[in-house]
Amino acid sequence: MFTFNFEGGASVISVWLVWILVFAVLFALNEVTRRSKVAGFTAFVILPIVLSALWFTVLRDTTYTDWFHLVKVYSSTAGCIGFWCIRHLHGKSKKTGRQWHLYNNRIALCFPPLILAINICEAVARDIEIGANYVNGGFLADEAMYVVGGAWNYMNGAAGIINIITITGWFGICIRKITKKDKSQDMLWPDMMWFWIVAYDIWNFAYTYNCLPGHAWYCGFALLLAPTVCAFTIGKGAWLQHRAQTLALWCMFAQTFPAFIDKGRFAVSSTYNTTALTIWSFAALVANVSVLVFMIYKIVKTKRNPYAGELYVDMKGYKVVKALAKN
């Protein structure tokens, strides 16, 4: 599946050690930015402004300038800003004198699924673009990255669309209660169950392997694993927040130091094996169809509307996350 840059002096062990370092740094930075309101504001508001000035001036000849990378870095950062506001913005009404919190606003709660769906749509569009234009292989415009298009792109594009359809229960988004061990006030999404997250991860890995083959080792493997591990351990129920933060941090790093994943001694490229491309995209399609079938089963059984309310309220995973929320 992957080819290590042995000519640059790297070894299998050294590449794995760098992968572990990338995973650990992403995990650690997510912990810092989720637990500290100031750190979160600095990382996702101030830092992108400073870096943007550099990308379009002194770094304009080395950074990514194609539409996809720019949209990805700014959309993921926008997600982080929006989630930060939902978690922390509050005030007092001048008319009633009552305290208000943004997380109680149903319109505001439409933002997380919207930004998530937009990010998935960006990737689906990229899959379809490559499937249509690079059937015989070729280098992407403005990038020194070779891609091979085929049926796998369309399978994975379909998986991404299904992944959007199976996003449920966003009006149940809530905030984690403050405890001695955790003062993060994470944005919890109880109805976002583990099987949806796994289906998303398989789809997104297939997407990176299809469309960003030279980056898939890090952004399709380490980057996906970091928020998932956090969501299944110390940051339960807040996968989308973890995903947005780690993605934004990685995108800002990749925009600033593109040589690390493109030309450095620890760069890892794809073997472009069409069997592997097909298997991963087929697995993504099967996983997401399975989630869709289960969602339909739950709708029929419970008579619940997954887009107007929550669907998985009777499941253990839902109850565990809900118990962490503020009353």
C-alpha atoms as a PDB file:
ATOM      1  CA  MET A   1       0.000   0.000   0.000  1.00  0.00           C
ATOM      2  CA  PHE A   2       2.771   2.429   0.910  1.00  0.00           C
ATOM      3  CA  THR A   3       6.341   3.065  -0.258  1.00  0.00           C
ATOM      4  CA  PHE A   4       8.895   4.490   2.179  1.00  0.00           C
ATOM      5  CA  ASN A   5      11.599   6.891   1.034  1.00  0.00           C
ATOM      6  CA  PHE A   6      14.573   4.617   1.627  1.00  0.00           C
ATOM      7  CA  GLU A   7      16.692   6.625  -0.827  1.00  0.00           C
ATOM      8  CA  GLY A   8      16.395   9.592   1.515  1.00  0.00           C
ATOM      9  CA  GLY A   9      17.914   7.598   4.349  1.00  0.00           C
ATOM     10  CA  ALA A  10      14.713   6.647   6.140  1.00  0.00           C
ATOM     11  CA  SER A  11      14.078   3.194   7.547  1.00  0.00           C
ATOM     12  CA  VAL A  12      10.852   1.416   8.390  1.00  0.00           C
ATOM     13  CA  ILE A  13      11.518   2.016  12.080  1.00  0.00           C
ATOM     14  CA  SER A  14      12.295   5.728  11.650  1.00  0.00           C
ATOM     15  CA  VAL A  15       9.165   6.302   9.539  1.00  0.00           C
ATOM     16  CA  TRP A  16       7.022   4.554  12.142  1.00  0.00           C
ATOM     17  CA  LEU A  17       8.622   6.645  14.888  1.00  0.00           C
ATOM     18  CA  VAL A  18       7.774   9.836  12.980  1.00  0.00           C
ATOM     19  CA  TRP A  19       4.212   8.548  12.485  1.00  0.00           C
ATOM     20  CA  ILE A  20       3.927   7.957  16.240  1.00  0.00           C
ATOM     21  CA  LEU A  21       5.306  11.456  16.858  1.00  0.00           C
ATOM     22  CA  VAL A  22       2.719  13.012  14.506  1.00  0.00           C
ATOM     23  CA  PHE A  23      -0.070  11.069  16.226  1.00  0.00           C
ATOM     24  CA  ALA A  24       1.168  12.011  19.711  1.00  0.00           C
ATOM     25  CA  VAL A  25       1.593  15.705  18.873  1.00  0.00           C
ATOM     26  CA  LEU A  26      -1.879  15.927  17.328  1.00  0.00           C
ATOM     27  CA  PHE A  27      -3.387  14.159  20.335  1.00  0.00           C
ATOM     28  CA  ALA A  28      -1.525  16.431  22.771  1.00  0.00           C
ATOM     29  CA  LEU A  29      -2.369  19.669  20.932  1.00  0.00           C
ATOM     30  CA  ASN A  30      -6.009  18.663  20.831  1.00  0.00           C
ATOM     31  CA  GLU A  31      -5.913  18.117  24.584  1.00  0.00           C
ATOM     32  CA  VAL A  32      -4.408  21.566  25.171  1.00  0.00           C
ATOM     33  CA  THR A  33      -6.826  23.385  22.861  1.00  0.00           C
ATOM     34  CA  ARG A  34      -9.926  21.576  24.125  1.00  0.00           C
ATOM     35  CA  ARG A  35      -9.140  22.081  27.808  1.00  0.00           C
ATOM     36  CA  SER A  36      -8.125  25.743  27.566  1.00  0.00           C
ATOM     37  CA  LYS A  37     -10.484  28.396  26.206  1.00  0.00           C
ATOM     38  CA  VAL A  38      -7.556  30.774  25.620  1.00  0.00           C
ATOM     39  CA  ALA A  39      -5.457  28.121  23.887  1.00  0.00           C
ATOM     40  CA  GLY A  40      -8.374  27.248  21.624  1.00  0.00           C
ATOM     41  CA  PHE A  41      -8.938  30.880  20.643  1.00  0.00           C
ATOM     42  CA  THR A  42      -5.222  31.381  20.017  1.00  0.00           C
ATOM     43  CA  ALA A  43      -4.864  28.230  17.901  1.00  0.00           C
ATOM     44  CA  PHE A  44      -7.961  28.656  15.742  1.00  0.00           C
ATOM     45  CA  VAL A  45      -8.397  32.425  15.466  1.00  0.00           C
ATOM     46  CA  ILE A  46      -5.075  34.211  15.980  1.00  0.00           C
ATOM     47  CA  LEU A  47      -2.734  31.573  14.528  1.00  0.00           C
ATOM     48  CA  PRO A  48      -4.616  31.172  11.196  1.00  0.00           C
ATOM     49  CA  ILE A  49      -4.591  34.955  10.697  1.00  0.00           C
ATOM     50  CA  VAL A  50      -0.822  35.099  11.218  1.00  0.00           C
ATOM     51  CA  LEU A  51      -0.170  32.058   9.025  1.00  0.00           C
ATOM     52  CA  SER A  52      -2.458  33.317   6.248  1.00  0.00           C
ATOM     53  CA  ALA A  53      -0.333  36.433   5.983  1.00  0.00           C
ATOM     54  CA  LEU A  54       2.732  34.215   5.552  1.00  0.00           C
ATOM     55  CA  TRP A  55       1.110  31.807   3.052  1.00  0.00           C
ATOM     56  CA  PHE A  56       0.198  34.584   0.662  1.00  0.00           C
ATOM     57  CA  THR A  57       3.445  36.527   0.988  1.00  0.00           C
ATOM     58  CA  VAL A  58       6.796  34.986   1.935  1.00  0.00           C
ATOM     59  CA  LEU A  59       5.597  31.375   1.567  1.00  0.00           C
ATOM     60  CA  ARG A  60       3.505  31.826  -1.587  1.00  0.00           C
ATOM     61  CA  ASP A  61       5.998  29.866  -3.730  1.00  0.00           C
ATOM     62  CA  THR A  62       6.043  26.799  -1.491  1.00  0.00           C
ATOM     63  CA  THR A  63       2.611  26.502   0.114  1.00  0.00           C
ATOM     64  CA  TYR A  64      -0.441  24.837  -1.457  1.00  0.00           C
ATOM     65  CA  THR A  65      -2.515  27.239  -3.540  1.00  0.00           C
ATOM     66  CA  ASP A  66      -4.997  24.872  -5.220  1.00  0.00           C
ATOM     67  CA  TRP A  67      -8.686  25.272  -4.357  1.00  0.00           C
ATOM     68  CA  PHE A  68      -8.958  22.048  -2.431  1.00  0.00           C
ATOM     69  CA  HIS A  69      -6.193  22.646   0.115  1.00  0.00           C
ATOM     70  CA  LEU A  70      -7.255  26.247   0.724  1.00  0.00           C
ATOM     71  CA  VAL A  71     -10.900  25.295   1.190  1.00  0.00           C
ATOM     72  CA  LYS A  72      -9.935  22.444   3.505  1.00  0.00           C
ATOM     73  CA  VAL A  73      -7.743  24.528   5.804  1.00  0.00           C
ATOM     74  CA  TYR A  74     -10.252  27.369   6.096  1.00  0.00           C
ATOM     75  CA  SER A  75     -13.362  25.196   6.399  1.00  0.00           C
ATOM     76  CA  SER A  76     -11.812  23.079   9.157  1.00  0.00           C
ATOM     77  CA  THR A  77     -10.690  26.239  10.956  1.00  0.00           C
ATOM     78  CA  ALA A  78     -14.178  27.717  10.563  1.00  0.00           C
ATOM     79  CA  GLY A  79     -15.537  24.585  12.190  1.00  0.00           C
ATOM     80  CA  CYS A  80     -13.197  24.996  15.153  1.00  0.00           C
ATOM     81  CA  ILE A  81     -14.224  28.646  15.595  1.00  0.00           C
ATOM     82  CA  GLY A  82     -17.898  27.752  15.402  1.00  0.00           C
ATOM     83  CA  PHE A  83     -17.532  24.937  17.927  1.00  0.00           C
ATOM     84  CA  TRP A  84     -15.547  27.212  20.255  1.00  0.00           C
ATOM     85  CA  CYS A  85     -18.401  29.744  20.115  1.00  0.00           C
ATOM     86  CA  ILE A  86     -21.038  27.091  20.794  1.00  0.00           C
ATOM     87  CA  ARG A  87     -19.070  25.893  23.819  1.00  0.00           C
ATOM     88  CA  HIS A  88     -18.108  29.235  25.342  1.00  0.00           C
ATOM     89  CA  LEU A  89     -20.278  32.131  24.135  1.00  0.00           C
ATOM     90  CA  HIS A  90     -22.825  33.306  26.685  1.00  0.00           C
ATOM     91  CA  GLY A  91     -24.283  36.530  28.016  1.00  0.00           C
ATOM     92  CA  LYS A  92     -27.273  38.198  29.665  1.00  0.00           C
ATOM     93  CA  SER A  93     -30.425  39.302  27.885  1.00  0.00           C
ATOM     94  CA  LYS A  94     -31.084  43.044  28.247  1.00  0.00           C
ATOM     95  CA  LYS A  95     -34.829  42.466  28.034  1.00  0.00           C
ATOM     96  CA  THR A  96     -35.266  39.628  30.524  1.00  0.00           C
ATOM     97  CA  GLY A  97     -32.012  39.727  32.473  1.00  0.00           C
ATOM     98  CA  ARG A  98     -31.620  35.989  31.992  1.00  0.00           C
ATOM     99  CA  GLN A  99     -28.356  34.278  31.111  1.00  0.00           C
ATOM    100  CA  TRP A 100     -28.168  32.811  27.605  1.00  0.00           C
ATOM    101  CA  HIS A 101     -25.766  30.247  26.150  1.00  0.00           C
ATOM    102  CA  LEU A 102     -25.202  29.702  22.457  1.00  0.00           C
ATOM    103  CA  TYR A 103     -25.444  25.935  22.872  1.00  0.00           C
ATOM    104  CA  ASN A 104     -29.130  26.363  23.743  1.00  0.00           C
ATOM    105  CA  ASN A 105     -29.863  27.984  20.382  1.00  0.00           C
ATOM    106  CA  ARG A 106     -31.339  25.435  17.928  1.00  0.00           C
ATOM    107  CA  ILE A 107     -30.148  27.459  14.942  1.00  0.00           C
ATOM    108  CA  ALA A 108     -26.580  27.386  16.265  1.00  0.00           C
ATOM    109  CA  LEU A 109     -26.817  23.602  16.636  1.00  0.00           C
ATOM    110  CA  CYS A 110     -27.346  23.328  12.870  1.00  0.00           C
ATOM    111  CA  PHE A 111     -23.773  24.567  12.345  1.00  0.00           C
ATOM    112  CA  PRO A 112     -21.898  21.371  13.380  1.00  0.00           C
ATOM    113  CA  PRO A 113     -23.715  19.030  10.949  1.00  0.00           C
ATOM    114  CA  LEU A 114     -23.553  21.706   8.242  1.00  0.00           C
ATOM    115  CA  ILE A 115     -19.781  22.198   8.451  1.00  0.00           C
ATOM    116  CA  LEU A 116     -19.304  18.429   8.707  1.00  0.00           C
ATOM    117  CA  ALA A 117     -21.429  17.851   5.598  1.00  0.00           C
ATOM    118  CA  ILE A 118     -19.553  20.598   3.729  1.00  0.00           C
ATOM    119  CA  ASN A 119     -16.208  18.965   4.520  1.00  0.00           C
ATOM    120  CA  ILE A 120     -17.476  15.585   3.345  1.00  0.00           C
ATOM    121  CA  CYS A 121     -18.887  17.163   0.167  1.00  0.00           C
ATOM    122  CA  GLU A 122     -15.497  18.722  -0.579  1.00  0.00           C
ATOM    123  CA  ALA A 123     -13.912  15.281  -0.449  1.00  0.00           C
ATOM    124  CA  VAL A 124     -16.700  13.678  -2.507  1.00  0.00           C
ATOM    125  CA  ALA A 125     -16.232  16.351  -5.180  1.00  0.00           C
ATOM    126  CA  ARG A 126     -12.491  15.662  -5.210  1.00  0.00           C
ATOM    127  CA  ASP A 127     -13.056  11.900  -5.574  1.00  0.00           C
ATOM    128  CA  ILE A 128     -15.399  12.444  -8.513  1.00  0.00           C
ATOM    129  CA  GLU A 129     -13.021  14.975 -10.106  1.00  0.00           C
ATOM    130  CA  ILE A 130     -10.115  12.538  -9.986  1.00  0.00           C
ATOM    131  CA  GLY A 131     -12.249   9.608 -11.094  1.00  0.00           C
ATOM    132  CA  ALA A 132     -13.383  11.577 -14.152  1.00  0.00           C
ATOM    133  CA  ASN A 133     -10.129  13.288 -15.131  1.00  0.00           C
ATOM    134  CA  TYR A 134      -7.309  10.923 -14.165  1.00  0.00           C
ATOM    135  CA  VAL A 135      -8.402   7.514 -15.442  1.00  0.00           C
ATOM    136  CA  ASN A 136      -4.995   6.980 -17.020  1.00  0.00           C
ATOM    137  CA  GLY A 137      -3.165   8.601 -14.114  1.00  0.00           C
ATOM    138  CA  GLY A 138      -1.535  12.003 -13.959  1.00  0.00           C
ATOM    139  CA  PHE A 139      -0.232  14.804 -11.785  1.00  0.00           C
ATOM    140  CA  LEU A 140      -2.677  17.107 -10.022  1.00  0.00           C
ATOM    141  CA  ALA A 141      -2.655  20.745 -11.115  1.00  0.00           C
ATOM    142  CA  ASP A 142      -0.396  22.956  -8.955  1.00  0.00           C
ATOM    143  CA  GLU A 143       0.889  19.906  -7.082  1.00  0.00           C
ATOM    144  CA  ALA A 144       3.683  17.408  -7.524  1.00  0.00           C
ATOM    145  CA  MET A 145       1.341  14.519  -6.643  1.00  0.00           C
ATOM    146  CA  TYR A 146       0.446  11.658  -8.935  1.00  0.00           C
ATOM    147  CA  VAL A 147      -3.073  10.164  -8.756  1.00  0.00           C
ATOM    148  CA  VAL A 148      -4.879   7.336 -10.516  1.00  0.00           C
ATOM    149  CA  GLY A 149      -8.612   7.600 -11.133  1.00  0.00           C
ATOM    150  CA  GLY A 150     -11.034   4.727 -11.445  1.00  0.00           C
ATOM    151  CA  ALA A 151     -14.206   3.060 -10.231  1.00  0.00           C
ATOM    152  CA  TRP A 152     -12.909   3.271  -6.660  1.00  0.00           C
ATOM    153  CA  ASN A 153     -13.379   7.056  -6.719  1.00  0.00           C
ATOM    154  CA  TYR A 154     -17.072   6.703  -7.510  1.00  0.00           C
ATOM    155  CA  MET A 155     -17.583   3.977  -4.897  1.00  0.00           C
ATOM    156  CA  ASN A 156     -16.005   6.163  -2.271  1.00  0.00           C
ATOM    157  CA  GLY A 157     -17.937   9.210  -3.447  1.00  0.00           C
ATOM    158  CA  ALA A 158     -21.149   7.239  -2.927  1.00  0.00           C
ATOM    159  CA  ALA A 159     -19.934   6.198   0.528  1.00  0.00           C
ATOM    160  CA  GLY A 160     -19.356   9.858   1.419  1.00  0.00           C
ATOM    161  CA  ILE A 161     -22.863  10.845   0.345  1.00  0.00           C
ATOM    162  CA  ILE A 162     -24.330   8.058   2.485  1.00  0.00           C
ATOM    163  CA  ASN A 163     -22.136   9.206   5.355  1.00  0.00           C
ATOM    164  CA  ILE A 164     -23.848  12.612   5.169  1.00  0.00           C
ATOM    165  CA  ILE A 165     -27.315  11.034   5.065  1.00  0.00           C
ATOM    166  CA  THR A 166     -26.578   9.082   8.243  1.00  0.00           C
ATOM    167  CA  ILE A 167     -25.667  12.140  10.321  1.00  0.00           C
ATOM    168  CA  THR A 168     -28.355  12.173  13.015  1.00  0.00           C
ATOM    169  CA  GLY A 169     -29.497  13.848  16.210  1.00  0.00           C
ATOM    170  CA  TRP A 170     -27.719  17.195  15.998  1.00  0.00           C
ATOM    171  CA  PHE A 171     -30.383  18.970  18.035  1.00  0.00           C
ATOM    172  CA  GLY A 172     -29.198  16.813  20.918  1.00  0.00           C
ATOM    173  CA  ILE A 173     -25.724  18.386  20.910  1.00  0.00           C
ATOM    174  CA  CYS A 174     -24.853  19.477  24.442  1.00  0.00           C
ATOM    175  CA  ILE A 175     -21.943  20.649  26.586  1.00  0.00           C
ATOM    176  CA  ARG A 176     -19.848  18.547  28.905  1.00  0.00           C
ATOM    177  CA  LYS A 177     -20.271  19.430  32.553  1.00  0.00           C
ATOM    178  CA  ILE A 178     -17.261  20.823  34.405  1.00  0.00           C
ATOM    179  CA  THR A 179     -15.566  18.449  36.839  1.00  0.00           C
ATOM    180  CA  LYS A 180     -12.288  18.457  38.759  1.00  0.00           C
ATOM    181  CA  LYS A 181     -10.735  16.188  36.131  1.00  0.00           C
ATOM    182  CA  ASP A 182     -12.170  17.853  33.035  1.00  0.00           C
ATOM    183  CA  LYS A 183     -13.012  21.535  32.631  1.00  0.00           C
ATOM    184  CA  SER A 184     -13.016  21.377  28.828  1.00  0.00           C
ATOM    185  CA  GLN A 185     -16.744  21.987  28.260  1.00  0.00           C
ATOM    186  CA  ASP A 186     -16.484  19.764  25.191  1.00  0.00           C
ATOM    187  CA  MET A 187     -19.215  19.882  22.569  1.00  0.00           C
ATOM    188  CA  LEU A 188     -20.846  16.475  23.025  1.00  0.00           C
ATOM    189  CA  TRP A 189     -22.881  14.762  20.333  1.00  0.00           C
ATOM    190  CA  PRO A 190     -24.518  11.733  22.020  1.00  0.00           C
ATOM    191  CA  ASP A 191     -26.293  10.526  18.863  1.00  0.00           C
ATOM    192  CA  MET A 192     -23.019  10.306  16.927  1.00  0.00           C
ATOM    193  CA  MET A 193     -22.397   6.643  17.656  1.00  0.00           C
ATOM    194  CA  TRP A 194     -19.187   4.656  17.364  1.00  0.00           C
ATOM    195  CA  PHE A 195     -20.298   2.806  14.214  1.00  0.00           C
ATOM    196  CA  TRP A 196     -20.854   6.094  12.354  1.00  0.00           C
ATOM    197  CA  ILE A 197     -17.383   7.283  13.393  1.00  0.00           C
ATOM    198  CA  VAL A 198     -15.769   4.024  12.215  1.00  0.00           C
ATOM    199  CA  ALA A 199     -17.633   4.234   8.884  1.00  0.00           C
ATOM    200  CA  TYR A 200     -16.459   7.848   8.504  1.00  0.00           C
ATOM    201  CA  ASP A 201     -12.853   6.879   9.255  1.00  0.00           C
ATOM    202  CA  ILE A 202     -12.853   4.076   6.676  1.00  0.00           C
ATOM    203  CA  TRP A 203     -14.411   6.398   4.091  1.00  0.00           C
ATOM    204  CA  ASN A 204     -11.980   9.232   4.840  1.00  0.00           C
ATOM    205  CA  PHE A 205      -8.956   6.953   4.721  1.00  0.00           C
ATOM    206  CA  ALA A 206     -10.120   5.640   1.342  1.00  0.00           C
ATOM    207  CA  TYR A 207     -10.554   9.231   0.186  1.00  0.00           C
ATOM    208  CA  THR A 208      -7.022  10.228   1.208  1.00  0.00           C
ATOM    209  CA  TYR A 209      -5.624   7.054  -0.358  1.00  0.00           C
ATOM    210  CA  ASN A 210      -7.507   7.858  -3.581  1.00  0.00           C
ATOM    211  CA  CYS A 211      -6.980  11.606  -3.799  1.00  0.00           C
ATOM    212  CA  LEU A 212      -3.997  12.431  -1.572  1.00  0.00           C
ATOM    213  CA  PRO A 213      -1.887   9.293  -1.995  1.00  0.00           C
ATOM    214  CA  GLY A 214       1.316  11.045  -0.999  1.00  0.00           C
ATOM    215  CA  HIS A 215      -0.233  12.251   2.263  1.00  0.00           C
ATOM    216  CA  ALA A 216      -2.346   9.238   3.252  1.00  0.00           C
ATOM    217  CA  TRP A 217       0.242   7.775   5.629  1.00  0.00           C
ATOM    218  CA  TYR A 218      -0.042  10.793   7.910  1.00  0.00           C
ATOM    219  CA  CYS A 219      -3.318  12.616   7.146  1.00  0.00           C
ATOM    220  CA  GLY A 220      -5.213   9.429   6.347  1.00  0.00           C
ATOM    221  CA  PHE A 221      -3.832   7.302   9.160  1.00  0.00           C
ATOM    222  CA  ALA A 222      -2.363   9.271  12.084  1.00  0.00           C
ATOM    223  CA  LEU A 223      -4.703  12.234  11.632  1.00  0.00           C
ATOM    224  CA  LEU A 224      -7.819  10.052  11.612  1.00  0.00           C
ATOM    225  CA  LEU A 225      -6.716   7.921  14.530  1.00  0.00           C
ATOM    226  CA  ALA A 226      -5.919  10.812  16.906  1.00  0.00           C
ATOM    227  CA  PRO A 227      -9.479  12.201  17.293  1.00  0.00           C
ATOM    228  CA  THR A 228     -11.008   8.716  17.288  1.00  0.00           C
ATOM    229  CA  VAL A 229      -8.782   7.487  20.106  1.00  0.00           C
ATOM    230  CA  CYS A 230      -9.589  10.628  22.081  1.00  0.00           C
ATOM    231  CA  ALA A 231     -13.330  10.207  21.464  1.00  0.00           C
ATOM    232  CA  PHE A 232     -13.238   6.618  22.665  1.00  0.00           C
ATOM    233  CA  THR A 233     -11.158   7.365  25.781  1.00  0.00           C
ATOM    234  CA  ILE A 234     -10.698  10.648  27.668  1.00  0.00           C
ATOM    235  CA  GLY A 235     -12.807  12.848  25.369  1.00  0.00           C
ATOM    236  CA  LYS A 236     -15.901  10.696  24.999  1.00  0.00           C
ATOM    237  CA  GLY A 237     -18.726  12.009  22.869  1.00  0.00           C
ATOM    238  CA  ALA A 238     -16.834  14.925  21.326  1.00  0.00           C
ATOM    239  CA  TRP A 239     -15.423  13.253  18.217  1.00  0.00           C
ATOM    240  CA  LEU A 240     -16.466  16.017  15.804  1.00  0.00           C
ATOM    241  CA  GLN A 241     -14.767  18.669  17.925  1.00  0.00           C
ATOM    242  CA  HIS A 242     -11.601  16.547  18.149  1.00  0.00           C
ATOM    243  CA  ARG A 243     -11.704  15.842  14.425  1.00  0.00           C
ATOM    244  CA  ALA A 244     -12.076  19.511  13.487  1.00  0.00           C
ATOM    245  CA  GLN A 245      -9.269  20.627  15.795  1.00  0.00           C
ATOM    246  CA  THR A 246      -6.748  17.986  14.739  1.00  0.00           C
ATOM    247  CA  LEU A 247      -7.638  18.499  11.067  1.00  0.00           C
ATOM    248  CA  ALA A 248      -7.221  22.285  11.297  1.00  0.00           C
ATOM    249  CA  LEU A 249      -3.907  21.949  13.114  1.00  0.00           C
ATOM    250  CA  TRP A 250      -2.615  19.442  10.575  1.00  0.00           C
ATOM    251  CA  CYS A 251      -3.772  21.531   7.605  1.00  0.00           C
ATOM    252  CA  MET A 252      -2.039  24.625   8.998  1.00  0.00           C
ATOM    253  CA  PHE A 253       1.154  22.611   9.494  1.00  0.00           C
ATOM    254  CA  ALA A 254       0.965  21.089   5.997  1.00  0.00           C
ATOM    255  CA  GLN A 255       0.334  24.510   4.429  1.00  0.00           C
ATOM    256  CA  THR A 256       3.354  25.950   6.231  1.00  0.00           C
ATOM    257  CA  PHE A 257       5.746  22.980   5.840  1.00  0.00           C
ATOM    258  CA  PRO A 258       4.564  21.077   2.729  1.00  0.00           C
ATOM    259  CA  ALA A 259       8.006  19.571   2.149  1.00  0.00           C
ATOM    260  CA  PHE A 260       7.595  17.401   5.253  1.00  0.00           C
ATOM    261  CA  ILE A 261       5.025  15.179   3.540  1.00  0.00           C
ATOM    262  CA  ASP A 262       5.999  15.789  -0.094  1.00  0.00           C
ATOM    263  CA  LYS A 263       9.789  15.718  -0.303  1.00  0.00           C
ATOM    264  CA  GLY A 264      11.248  15.047   3.143  1.00  0.00           C
ATOM    265  CA  ARG A 265      13.161  11.911   4.059  1.00  0.00           C
ATOM    266  CA  PHE A 266      10.114  10.723   6.007  1.00  0.00           C
ATOM    267  CA  ALA A 267       7.681  11.242   3.133  1.00  0.00           C
ATOM    268  CA  VAL A 268       5.620   8.146   2.369  1.00  0.00           C
ATOM    269  CA  SER A 269       4.003   7.569  -1.017  1.00  0.00           C
ATOM    270  CA  SER A 270       1.377   5.188  -2.340  1.00  0.00           C
ATOM    271  CA  THR A 271       2.156   2.065  -4.359  1.00  0.00           C
ATOM    272  CA  TYR A 272      -0.861   2.967  -6.556  1.00  0.00           C
ATOM    273  CA  ASN A 273      -2.004  -0.620  -6.386  1.00  0.00           C
ATOM    274  CA  THR A 274      -5.465  -0.640  -7.945  1.00  0.00           C
ATOM    275  CA  THR A 275      -6.484  -3.664  -5.883  1.00  0.00           C
ATOM    276  CA  ALA A 276      -5.772  -1.775  -2.649  1.00  0.00           C
ATOM    277  CA  LEU A 277      -7.593   1.288  -3.986  1.00  0.00           C
ATOM    278  CA  THR A 278     -10.624  -0.831  -4.821  1.00  0.00           C
ATOM    279  CA  ILE A 279     -10.648  -2.733  -1.524  1.00  0.00           C
ATOM    280  CA  TRP A 280     -10.573   0.383   0.659  1.00  0.00           C
ATOM    281  CA  SER A 281     -13.275   2.183  -1.333  1.00  0.00           C
ATOM    282  CA  PHE A 282     -15.450  -0.940  -1.367  1.00  0.00           C
ATOM    283  CA  ALA A 283     -14.954  -1.302   2.402  1.00  0.00           C
ATOM    284  CA  ALA A 284     -16.017   2.339   2.841  1.00  0.00           C
ATOM    285  CA  LEU A 285     -19.143   1.766   0.776  1.00  0.00           C
ATOM    286  CA  VAL A 286     -20.063  -1.425   2.665  1.00  0.00           C
ATOM    287  CA  ALA A 287     -19.468   0.232   6.061  1.00  0.00           C
ATOM    288  CA  ASN A 288     -21.620   3.246   5.263  1.00  0.00           C
ATOM    289  CA  VAL A 289     -24.401   1.216   3.657  1.00  0.00           C
ATOM    290  CA  SER A 290     -24.438  -0.902   6.842  1.00  0.00           C
ATOM    291  CA  VAL A 291     -24.867   2.229   8.972  1.00  0.00           C
ATOM    292  CA  LEU A 292     -27.652   3.416   6.674  1.00  0.00           C
ATOM    293  CA  VAL A 293     -29.466   0.081   6.931  1.00  0.00           C
ATOM    294  CA  PHE A 294     -29.191   0.137  10.720  1.00  0.00           C
ATOM    295  CA  MET A 295     -30.412   3.752  10.814  1.00  0.00           C
ATOM    296  CA  ILE A 296     -33.469   2.830   8.752  1.00  0.00           C
ATOM    297  CA  TYR A 297     -34.105  -0.150  11.031  1.00  0.00           C
ATOM    298  CA  LYS A 298     -34.019   2.118  14.107  1.00  0.00           C
ATOM    299  CA  ILE A 299     -36.317   4.661  12.451  1.00  0.00           C
ATOM    300  CA  VAL A 300     -38.882   1.968  11.648  1.00  0.00           C
ATOM    301  CA  LYS A 301     -38.615   0.404  15.096  1.00  0.00           C
ATOM    302  CA  THR A 302     -38.694   3.577  17.198  1.00  0.00           C
ATOM    303  CA  LYS A 303     -40.723   5.865  14.887  1.00  0.00           C
ATOM    304  CA  ARG A 304     -38.172   8.597  15.602  1.00  0.00           C
ATOM    305  CA  ASN A 305     -37.140  11.313  13.135  1.00  0.00           C
ATOM    306  CA  PRO A 306     -33.306  11.342  13.102  1.00  0.00           C
ATOM    307  CA  TYR A 307     -33.185  14.879  11.690  1.00  0.00           C
ATOM    308  CA  ALA A 308     -35.664  16.503  14.075  1.00  0.00           C
ATOM    309  CA  GLY A 309     -34.556  14.651  17.191  1.00  0.00           C
ATOM    310  CA  GLU A 310     -32.252  11.906  18.399  1.00  0.00           C
ATOM    311  CA  LEU A 311     -32.390   8.322  17.155  1.00  0.00           C
ATOM    312  CA  TYR A 312     -30.133   6.162  19.320  1.00  0.00           C
ATOM    313  CA  VAL A 313     -31.374   7.203  22.770  1.00  0.00           C
ATOM    314  CA  ASP A 314     -31.897   3.597  23.913  1.00  0.00           C
ATOM    315  CA  MET A 315     -28.313   2.519  23.221  1.00  0.00           C
ATOM    316  CA  LYS A 316     -25.570   2.226  25.833  1.00  0.00           C
ATOM    317  CA  GLY A 317     -23.120   4.467  23.970  1.00  0.00           C
ATOM    318  CA  TYR A 318     -25.664   7.267  23.847  1.00  0.00           C
ATOM    319  CA  LYS A 319     -26.402   6.985  27.572  1.00  0.00           C
ATOM    320  CA  VAL A 320     -22.708   7.032  28.519  1.00  0.00           C
ATOM    321  CA  VAL A 321     -22.121  10.307  26.657  1.00  0.00           C
ATOM    322  CA  LYS A 322     -25.386  11.871  27.813  1.00  0.00           C
ATOM    323  CA  ALA A 323     -24.397  11.244  31.430  1.00  0.00           C
ATOM    324  CA  LEU A 324     -21.362  13.513  30.903  1.00  0.00           C
ATOM    325  CA  ALA A 325     -23.481  16.496  29.822  1.00  0.00           C
ATOM    326  CA  LYS A 326     -24.679  19.491  31.784  1.00  0.00           C
ATOM    327  CA  ASN A 327     -28.222  19.200  33.072  1.00  0.00           C
END
